[in-house]
C-alpha cells in the first residue's frame, strides 16, 4: 500500500474518532481537532473544555496488526498532563463504530482514582 493511502486511511480513522467524541460528549466543532499525519504529539488536539469533559489523550491507529506496548508507550509519551493515554484502534476491514481502546492498566487505575477522589 502506498504511503499516501496509509496516511489517508489513518486520517479518516482520526476524523471518525473525533466526530464520535464531539457527538457523544456534546462538544462543538473545533473543540477536538484532528492533527495532520506525521505531526509530533497527540493525534487529536483537545480544547480546554474537551480535556475537562474527556480527560484522555488519543493515539489513533487503523492497522491490520493489533496495537501493542509500543503504541501504548507512544500514547503515553505524547499525552496531555493528567490525562489517560489511550490507543484507539480501528481494526482493518471495520467501519466507524467498531473501534477498540487500549491503555496501560496501571495508568487506568491512577487516572480513575484521580477522577473519583
C-alpha atoms as a PDB file:
ATOM      1  CA  UNK A   1       0.000   0.000   0.000  1.00  0.00           C
ATOM      2  CA  UNK A   2       1.285   3.482  -0.872  1.00  0.00           C
ATOM      3  CA  UNK A   3       2.325   5.807   1.926  1.00  0.00           C
ATOM      4  CA  UNK A   4      -0.299   8.326   0.817  1.00  0.00           C
ATOM      5  CA  UNK A   5      -3.019   5.644   1.013  1.00  0.00           C
ATOM      6  CA  UNK A   6      -1.892   4.636   4.512  1.00  0.00           C
ATOM      7  CA  UNK A   7      -1.975   8.258   5.655  1.00  0.00           C
ATOM      8  CA  UNK A   8      -5.441   8.777   4.151  1.00  0.00           C
ATOM      9  CA  UNK A   9      -6.697   5.656   5.953  1.00  0.00           C
ATOM     10  CA  UNK A  10      -5.245   6.925   9.241  1.00  0.00           C
ATOM     11  CA  UNK A  11      -6.665  10.407   8.701  1.00  0.00           C
ATOM     12  CA  UNK A  12     -10.165   9.004   8.174  1.00  0.00           C
ATOM     13  CA  UNK A  13      -9.846   6.933  11.360  1.00  0.00           C
ATOM     14  CA  UNK A  14      -8.757  10.029  13.346  1.00  0.00           C
ATOM     15  CA  UNK A  15     -11.660  12.038  11.966  1.00  0.00           C
ATOM     16  CA  UNK A  16     -14.181   9.290  12.776  1.00  0.00           C
ATOM     17  CA  UNK A  17     -12.920   9.137  16.371  1.00  0.00           C
ATOM     18  CA  UNK A  18     -13.049  12.938  16.628  1.00  0.00           C
ATOM     19  CA  UNK A  19     -16.596  13.067  15.246  1.00  0.00           C
ATOM     20  CA  UNK A  20     -17.835  10.404  17.666  1.00  0.00           C
ATOM     21  CA  UNK A  21     -16.277  12.171  20.676  1.00  0.00           C
ATOM     22  CA  UNK A  22     -17.787  15.521  19.607  1.00  0.00           C
ATOM     23  CA  UNK A  23     -21.227  13.951  19.274  1.00  0.00           C
ATOM     24  CA  UNK A  24     -21.207  11.781  22.406  1.00  0.00           C
ATOM     25  CA  UNK A  25     -19.866  14.499  24.721  1.00  0.00           C
ATOM     26  CA  UNK A  26     -21.934  17.385  23.291  1.00  0.00           C
ATOM     27  CA  UNK A  27     -18.918  19.358  22.141  1.00  0.00           C
ATOM     28  CA  UNK A  28     -18.753  21.853  19.298  1.00  0.00           C
ATOM     29  CA  UNK A  29     -16.722  21.858  16.098  1.00  0.00           C
ATOM     30  CA  UNK A  30     -13.234  22.990  16.972  1.00  0.00           C
ATOM     31  CA  UNK A  31     -13.239  21.504  20.482  1.00  0.00           C
ATOM     32  CA  UNK A  32     -11.371  18.496  19.086  1.00  0.00           C
ATOM     33  CA  UNK A  33      -9.114  18.809  16.053  1.00  0.00           C
ATOM     34  CA  UNK A  34      -7.548  16.025  14.022  1.00  0.00           C
ATOM     35  CA  UNK A  35      -3.791  16.592  13.594  1.00  0.00           C
ATOM     36  CA  UNK A  36      -2.109  16.232  10.236  1.00  0.00           C
ATOM     37  CA  UNK A  37      -0.499  12.868   9.644  1.00  0.00           C
ATOM     38  CA  UNK A  38       3.122  12.702  10.748  1.00  0.00           C
ATOM     39  CA  UNK A  39       2.817  15.560  13.243  1.00  0.00           C
ATOM     40  CA  UNK A  40       4.516  15.092  16.592  1.00  0.00           C
ATOM     41  CA  UNK A  41       2.313  14.776  19.680  1.00  0.00           C
ATOM     42  CA  UNK A  42      -1.220  13.584  20.224  1.00  0.00           C
ATOM     43  CA  UNK A  43      -3.355  12.679  17.210  1.00  0.00           C
ATOM     44  CA  UNK A  44      -6.356  14.657  18.444  1.00  0.00           C
ATOM     45  CA  UNK A  45      -5.978  18.159  19.878  1.00  0.00           C
ATOM     46  CA  UNK A  46      -8.494  18.851  22.655  1.00  0.00           C
ATOM     47  CA  UNK A  47      -9.661  22.315  23.710  1.00  0.00           C
ATOM     48  CA  UNK A  48      -9.594  23.041  27.469  1.00  0.00           C
ATOM     49  CA  UNK A  49     -13.333  22.216  27.615  1.00  0.00           C
ATOM     50  CA  UNK A  50     -12.822  18.912  25.789  1.00  0.00           C
ATOM     51  CA  UNK A  51      -9.935  17.989  28.120  1.00  0.00           C
ATOM     52  CA  UNK A  52     -12.166  18.672  31.109  1.00  0.00           C
ATOM     53  CA  UNK A  53     -15.037  16.559  29.733  1.00  0.00           C
ATOM     54  CA  UNK A  54     -12.862  13.783  28.297  1.00  0.00           C
ATOM     55  CA  UNK A  55      -9.519  13.565  30.137  1.00  0.00           C
ATOM     56  CA  UNK A  56      -7.819  11.237  27.661  1.00  0.00           C
ATOM     57  CA  UNK A  57      -5.031  11.587  25.102  1.00  0.00           C
ATOM     58  CA  UNK A  58      -5.648   9.702  21.859  1.00  0.00           C
ATOM     59  CA  UNK A  59      -3.213   7.844  19.638  1.00  0.00           C
ATOM     60  CA  UNK A  60      -5.312   6.668  16.665  1.00  0.00           C
ATOM     61  CA  UNK A  61      -4.407   3.519  14.716  1.00  0.00           C
ATOM     62  CA  UNK A  62      -6.020   1.878  11.688  1.00  0.00           C
ATOM     63  CA  UNK A  63      -3.969  -1.241  11.002  1.00  0.00           C
ATOM     64  CA  UNK A  64      -4.150  -4.955  10.363  1.00  0.00           C
ATOM     65  CA  UNK A  65      -1.753  -5.536  13.253  1.00  0.00           C
ATOM     66  CA  UNK A  66      -3.153  -5.299  16.770  1.00  0.00           C
ATOM     67  CA  UNK A  67      -1.543  -2.427  18.690  1.00  0.00           C
ATOM     68  CA  UNK A  68       0.809  -3.447  21.491  1.00  0.00           C
ATOM     69  CA  UNK A  69       3.148  -1.982  24.084  1.00  0.00           C
ATOM     70  CA  UNK A  70       4.991   0.288  21.602  1.00  0.00           C
ATOM     71  CA  UNK A  71       1.776   2.082  20.631  1.00  0.00           C
ATOM     72  CA  UNK A  72       0.734   2.467  24.288  1.00  0.00           C
ATOM     73  CA  UNK A  73       4.182   3.920  25.060  1.00  0.00           C
ATOM     74  CA  UNK A  74       3.802   6.321  22.114  1.00  0.00           C
ATOM     75  CA  UNK A  75       0.454   7.456  23.511  1.00  0.00           C
ATOM     76  CA  UNK A  76       1.979   7.891  26.985  1.00  0.00           C
ATOM     77  CA  UNK A  77       4.908   9.923  25.617  1.00  0.00           C
ATOM     78  CA  UNK A  78       2.532  12.318  23.841  1.00  0.00           C
ATOM     79  CA  UNK A  79      -0.211  12.525  26.495  1.00  0.00           C
ATOM     80  CA  UNK A  80      -1.625  15.697  27.980  1.00  0.00           C
ATOM     81  CA  UNK A  81      -0.877  16.222  31.675  1.00  0.00           C
ATOM     82  CA  UNK A  82      -3.388  14.423  33.950  1.00  0.00           C
ATOM     83  CA  UNK A  83      -4.985  12.539  31.080  1.00  0.00           C
ATOM     84  CA  UNK A  84      -5.288   8.831  30.359  1.00  0.00           C
ATOM     85  CA  UNK A  85      -3.088   7.905  27.386  1.00  0.00           C
ATOM     86  CA  UNK A  86      -5.063   5.581  25.107  1.00  0.00           C
ATOM     87  CA  UNK A  87      -4.707   3.919  21.733  1.00  0.00           C
ATOM     88  CA  UNK A  88      -7.956   3.896  19.778  1.00  0.00           C
ATOM     89  CA  UNK A  89      -7.648   1.172  17.172  1.00  0.00           C
ATOM     90  CA  UNK A  90      -9.854   0.631  14.146  1.00  0.00           C
ATOM     91  CA  UNK A  91      -9.175  -2.935  13.009  1.00  0.00           C
ATOM     92  CA  UNK A  92      -8.625  -3.272   9.272  1.00  0.00           C
ATOM     93  CA  UNK A  93     -11.862  -4.023   7.468  1.00  0.00           C
ATOM     94  CA  UNK A  94     -14.151  -2.448  10.056  1.00  0.00           C
ATOM     95  CA  UNK A  95     -16.009   0.791   9.745  1.00  0.00           C
ATOM     96  CA  UNK A  96     -16.715   3.593  12.213  1.00  0.00           C
ATOM     97  CA  UNK A  97     -18.255   2.479  15.479  1.00  0.00           C
ATOM     98  CA  UNK A  98     -16.145  -0.670  15.757  1.00  0.00           C
ATOM     99  CA  UNK A  99     -13.054   0.904  17.360  1.00  0.00           C
ATOM    100  CA  UNK A 100     -11.317  -0.629  20.354  1.00  0.00           C
ATOM    101  CA  UNK A 101      -9.450   1.233  23.081  1.00  0.00           C
ATOM    102  CA  UNK A 102      -6.218   0.077  24.697  1.00  0.00           C
ATOM    103  CA  UNK A 103      -4.391   1.553  27.666  1.00  0.00           C
ATOM    104  CA  UNK A 104      -1.914   0.545  30.328  1.00  0.00           C
ATOM    105  CA  UNK A 105      -3.814  -0.943  33.282  1.00  0.00           C
ATOM    106  CA  UNK A 106      -1.737   0.926  35.901  1.00  0.00           C
ATOM    107  CA  UNK A 107      -2.310   4.204  34.018  1.00  0.00           C
ATOM    108  CA  UNK A 108      -6.044   3.482  34.078  1.00  0.00           C
ATOM    109  CA  UNK A 109      -6.057   2.850  37.834  1.00  0.00           C
ATOM    110  CA  UNK A 110      -4.140   6.086  38.572  1.00  0.00           C
ATOM    111  CA  UNK A 111      -6.396   8.067  36.219  1.00  0.00           C
ATOM    112  CA  UNK A 112      -9.585   6.596  37.661  1.00  0.00           C
ATOM    113  CA  UNK A 113      -8.507   7.309  41.244  1.00  0.00           C
ATOM    114  CA  UNK A 114      -7.820  10.960  40.330  1.00  0.00           C
ATOM    115  CA  UNK A 115     -11.306  11.287  38.853  1.00  0.00           C
ATOM    116  CA  UNK A 116     -13.011   9.705  41.848  1.00  0.00           C
ATOM    117  CA  UNK A 117     -11.186  11.266  44.791  1.00  0.00           C
END
